[in-house]
Amino acid sequence: MMKIGKCFYFHYVIKETLGAVLKENQLIDILKSSKELFL
């Protein structure tokens, strides 16, 4: 039972981390494109 819980926990952490990274990348892309619009 503990093993299954650990697997789910790691999967959740990895998913959350990837989601945060993707959101940051999207923000960076938005900032870059908005900078190009202003310049």
PDB file of N, CA and C in Angstrom:
ATOM      1  N   MET A   1       0.834  -1.207   0.000  1.00  0.00           N
ATOM      2  CA  MET A   1       0.000   0.000   0.000  1.00  0.00           C
ATOM      3  C   MET A   1       0.872   1.263   0.000  1.00  0.00           C
ATOM      4  N   MET A   2       1.904   1.271   0.819  1.00  0.00           N
ATOM      5  CA  MET A   2       2.785   2.433   0.876  1.00  0.00           C
ATOM      6  C   MET A   2       3.476   2.657  -0.465  1.00  0.00           C
ATOM      7  N   LYS A   3       3.859   1.549  -1.124  1.00  0.00           N
ATOM      8  CA  LYS A   3       4.557   1.654  -2.409  1.00  0.00           C
ATOM      9  C   LYS A   3       3.684   2.373  -3.428  1.00  0.00           C
ATOM     10  N   ILE A   4       2.409   2.002  -3.478  1.00  0.00           N
ATOM     11  CA  ILE A   4       1.480   2.612  -4.433  1.00  0.00           C
ATOM     12  C   ILE A   4       1.331   4.104  -4.118  1.00  0.00           C
ATOM     13  N   GLY A   5       1.216   4.419  -2.832  1.00  0.00           N
ATOM     14  CA  GLY A   5       1.093   5.820  -2.427  1.00  0.00           C
ATOM     15  C   GLY A   5       2.295   6.634  -2.861  1.00  0.00           C
ATOM     16  N   LYS A   6       3.485   6.045  -2.677  1.00  0.00           N
ATOM     17  CA  LYS A   6       4.712   6.745  -3.074  1.00  0.00           C
ATOM     18  C   LYS A   6       4.716   7.004  -4.572  1.00  0.00           C
ATOM     19  N   CYS A   7       4.325   6.003  -5.362  1.00  0.00           N
ATOM     20  CA  CYS A   7       4.304   6.159  -6.823  1.00  0.00           C
ATOM     21  C   CYS A   7       3.364   7.292  -7.218  1.00  0.00           C
ATOM     22  N   PHE A   8       2.175   7.309  -6.607  1.00  0.00           N
ATOM     23  CA  PHE A   8       1.219   8.361  -6.926  1.00  0.00           C
ATOM     24  C   PHE A   8       1.760   9.719  -6.519  1.00  0.00           C
ATOM     25  N   TYR A   9       2.436   9.760  -5.359  1.00  0.00           N
ATOM     26  CA  TYR A   9       2.983  11.021  -4.863  1.00  0.00           C
ATOM     27  C   TYR A   9       4.040  11.559  -5.819  1.00  0.00           C
ATOM     28  N   PHE A  10       4.963  10.680  -6.247  1.00  0.00           N
ATOM     29  CA  PHE A  10       6.019  11.119  -7.163  1.00  0.00           C
ATOM     30  C   PHE A  10       5.414  11.576  -8.488  1.00  0.00           C
ATOM     31  N   HIS A  11       4.429  10.826  -8.964  1.00  0.00           N
ATOM     32  CA  HIS A  11       3.773  11.188 -10.226  1.00  0.00           C
ATOM     33  C   HIS A  11       3.130  12.565 -10.108  1.00  0.00           C
ATOM     34  N   TYR A  12       2.480  12.817  -8.956  1.00  0.00           N
ATOM     35  CA  TYR A  12       1.824  14.104  -8.711  1.00  0.00           C
ATOM     36  C   TYR A  12       2.852  15.233  -8.675  1.00  0.00           C
ATOM     37  N   VAL A  13       3.959  15.006  -7.953  1.00  0.00           N
ATOM     38  CA  VAL A  13       4.998  16.036  -7.827  1.00  0.00           C
ATOM     39  C   VAL A  13       5.593  16.356  -9.194  1.00  0.00           C
ATOM     40  N   ILE A  14       5.877  15.312  -9.974  1.00  0.00           N
ATOM     41  CA  ILE A  14       6.463  15.512 -11.305  1.00  0.00           C
ATOM     42  C   ILE A  14       5.487  16.288 -12.191  1.00  0.00           C
ATOM     43  N   LYS A  15       4.208  15.909 -12.121  1.00  0.00           N
ATOM     44  CA  LYS A  15       3.194  16.580 -12.939  1.00  0.00           C
ATOM     45  C   LYS A  15       3.085  18.056 -12.552  1.00  0.00           C
ATOM     46  N   GLU A  16       3.063  18.334 -11.243  1.00  0.00           N
ATOM     47  CA  GLU A  16       2.960  19.712 -10.765  1.00  0.00           C
ATOM     48  C   GLU A  16       4.180  20.522 -11.186  1.00  0.00           C
ATOM     49  N   THR A  17       5.361  19.903 -11.069  1.00  0.00           N
ATOM     50  CA  THR A  17       6.600  20.599 -11.437  1.00  0.00           C
ATOM     51  C   THR A  17       6.596  20.923 -12.922  1.00  0.00           C
ATOM     52  N   LEU A  18       6.220  19.941 -13.744  1.00  0.00           N
ATOM     53  CA  LEU A  18       6.176  20.163 -15.193  1.00  0.00           C
ATOM     54  C   LEU A  18       5.159  21.249 -15.531  1.00  0.00           C
ATOM     55  N   GLY A  19       4.020  21.215 -14.849  1.00  0.00           N
ATOM     56  CA  GLY A  19       2.996  22.225 -15.091  1.00  0.00           C
ATOM     57  C   GLY A  19       3.504  23.624 -14.771  1.00  0.00           C
ATOM     58  N   ALA A  20       4.220  23.755 -13.646  1.00  0.00           N
ATOM     59  CA  ALA A  20       4.769  25.053 -13.254  1.00  0.00           C
ATOM     60  C   ALA A  20       5.797  25.527 -14.268  1.00  0.00           C
ATOM     61  N   VAL A  21       6.642  24.606 -14.727  1.00  0.00           N
ATOM     62  CA  VAL A  21       7.680  24.958 -15.706  1.00  0.00           C
ATOM     63  C   VAL A  21       7.031  25.411 -17.011  1.00  0.00           C
ATOM     64  N   LEU A  22       6.003  24.680 -17.439  1.00  0.00           N
ATOM     65  CA  LEU A  22       5.326  25.038 -18.689  1.00  0.00           C
ATOM     66  C   LEU A  22       4.665  26.409 -18.568  1.00  0.00           C
ATOM     67  N   LYS A  23       4.062  26.689 -17.400  1.00  0.00           N
ATOM     68  CA  LYS A  23       3.427  27.991 -17.190  1.00  0.00           C
ATOM     69  C   LYS A  23       4.470  29.093 -17.243  1.00  0.00           C
ATOM     70  N   GLU A  24       5.630  28.853 -16.626  1.00  0.00           N
ATOM     71  CA  GLU A  24       6.702  29.853 -16.640  1.00  0.00           C
ATOM     72  C   GLU A  24       7.170  30.097 -18.063  1.00  0.00           C
ATOM     73  N   ASN A  25       7.318  29.024 -18.836  1.00  0.00           N
ATOM     74  CA  ASN A  25       7.747  29.165 -20.230  1.00  0.00           C
ATOM     75  C   ASN A  25       6.722  29.968 -21.020  1.00  0.00           C
ATOM     76  N   GLN A  26       5.439  29.722 -20.755  1.00  0.00           N
ATOM     77  CA  GLN A  26       4.389  30.469 -21.445  1.00  0.00           C
ATOM     78  C   GLN A  26       4.473  31.947 -21.084  1.00  0.00           C
ATOM     79  N   LEU A  27       4.724  32.239 -19.798  1.00  0.00           N
ATOM     80  CA  LEU A  27       4.846  33.625 -19.360  1.00  0.00           C
ATOM     81  C   LEU A  27       6.020  34.296 -20.048  1.00  0.00           C
ATOM     82  N   ILE A  28       7.140  33.574 -20.147  1.00  0.00           N
ATOM     83  CA  ILE A  28       8.332  34.117 -20.804  1.00  0.00           C
ATOM     84  C   ILE A  28       8.022  34.414 -22.265  1.00  0.00           C
ATOM     85  N   ASP A  29       7.326  33.485 -22.925  1.00  0.00           N
ATOM     86  CA  ASP A  29       6.956  33.692 -24.330  1.00  0.00           C
ATOM     87  C   ASP A  29       6.049  34.914 -24.472  1.00  0.00           C
ATOM     88  N   ILE A  30       5.094  35.058 -23.551  1.00  0.00           N
ATOM     89  CA  ILE A  30       4.167  36.199 -23.602  1.00  0.00           C
ATOM     90  C   ILE A  30       4.938  37.500 -23.405  1.00  0.00           C
ATOM     91  N   LEU A  31       5.878  37.489 -22.449  1.00  0.00           N
ATOM     92  CA  LEU A  31       6.680  38.689 -22.200  1.00  0.00           C
ATOM     93  C   LEU A  31       7.519  39.038 -23.417  1.00  0.00           C
ATOM     94  N   LYS A  32       8.107  38.024 -24.039  1.00  0.00           N
ATOM     95  CA  LYS A  32       8.932  38.261 -25.233  1.00  0.00           C
ATOM     96  C   LYS A  32       8.093  38.856 -26.356  1.00  0.00           C
ATOM     97  N   SER A  33       6.922  38.276 -26.600  1.00  0.00           N
ATOM     98  CA  SER A  33       6.086  38.749 -27.704  1.00  0.00           C
ATOM     99  C   SER A  33       5.534  40.139 -27.399  1.00  0.00           C
ATOM    100  N   SER A  34       5.195  40.420 -26.131  1.00  0.00           N
ATOM    101  CA  SER A  34       4.678  41.744 -25.787  1.00  0.00           C
ATOM    102  C   SER A  34       5.795  42.781 -25.891  1.00  0.00           C
ATOM    103  N   LYS A  35       7.028  42.366 -25.570  1.00  0.00           N
ATOM    104  CA  LYS A  35       8.166  43.277 -25.698  1.00  0.00           C
ATOM    105  C   LYS A  35       8.344  43.658 -27.167  1.00  0.00           C
ATOM    106  N   GLU A  36       8.190  42.676 -28.057  1.00  0.00           N
ATOM    107  CA  GLU A  36       8.329  42.937 -29.490  1.00  0.00           C
ATOM    108  C   GLU A  36       7.227  43.884 -29.971  1.00  0.00           C
ATOM    109  N   LEU A  37       6.037  43.762 -29.387  1.00  0.00           N
ATOM    110  CA  LEU A  37       4.939  44.639 -29.784  1.00  0.00           C
ATOM    111  C   LEU A  37       5.223  46.077 -29.369  1.00  0.00           C
ATOM    112  N   PHE A  38       5.809  46.251 -28.187  1.00  0.00           N
ATOM    113  CA  PHE A  38       6.064  47.598 -27.675  1.00  0.00           C
ATOM    114  C   PHE A  38       7.240  48.258 -28.387  1.00  0.00           C
ATOM    115  N   LEU A  39       8.219  47.462 -28.817  1.00  0.00           N
ATOM    116  CA  LEU A  39       9.414  48.048 -29.443  1.00  0.00           C
ATOM    117  C   LEU A  39       9.170  48.393 -30.913  1.00  0.00           C
TER     118      LEU A  39
END
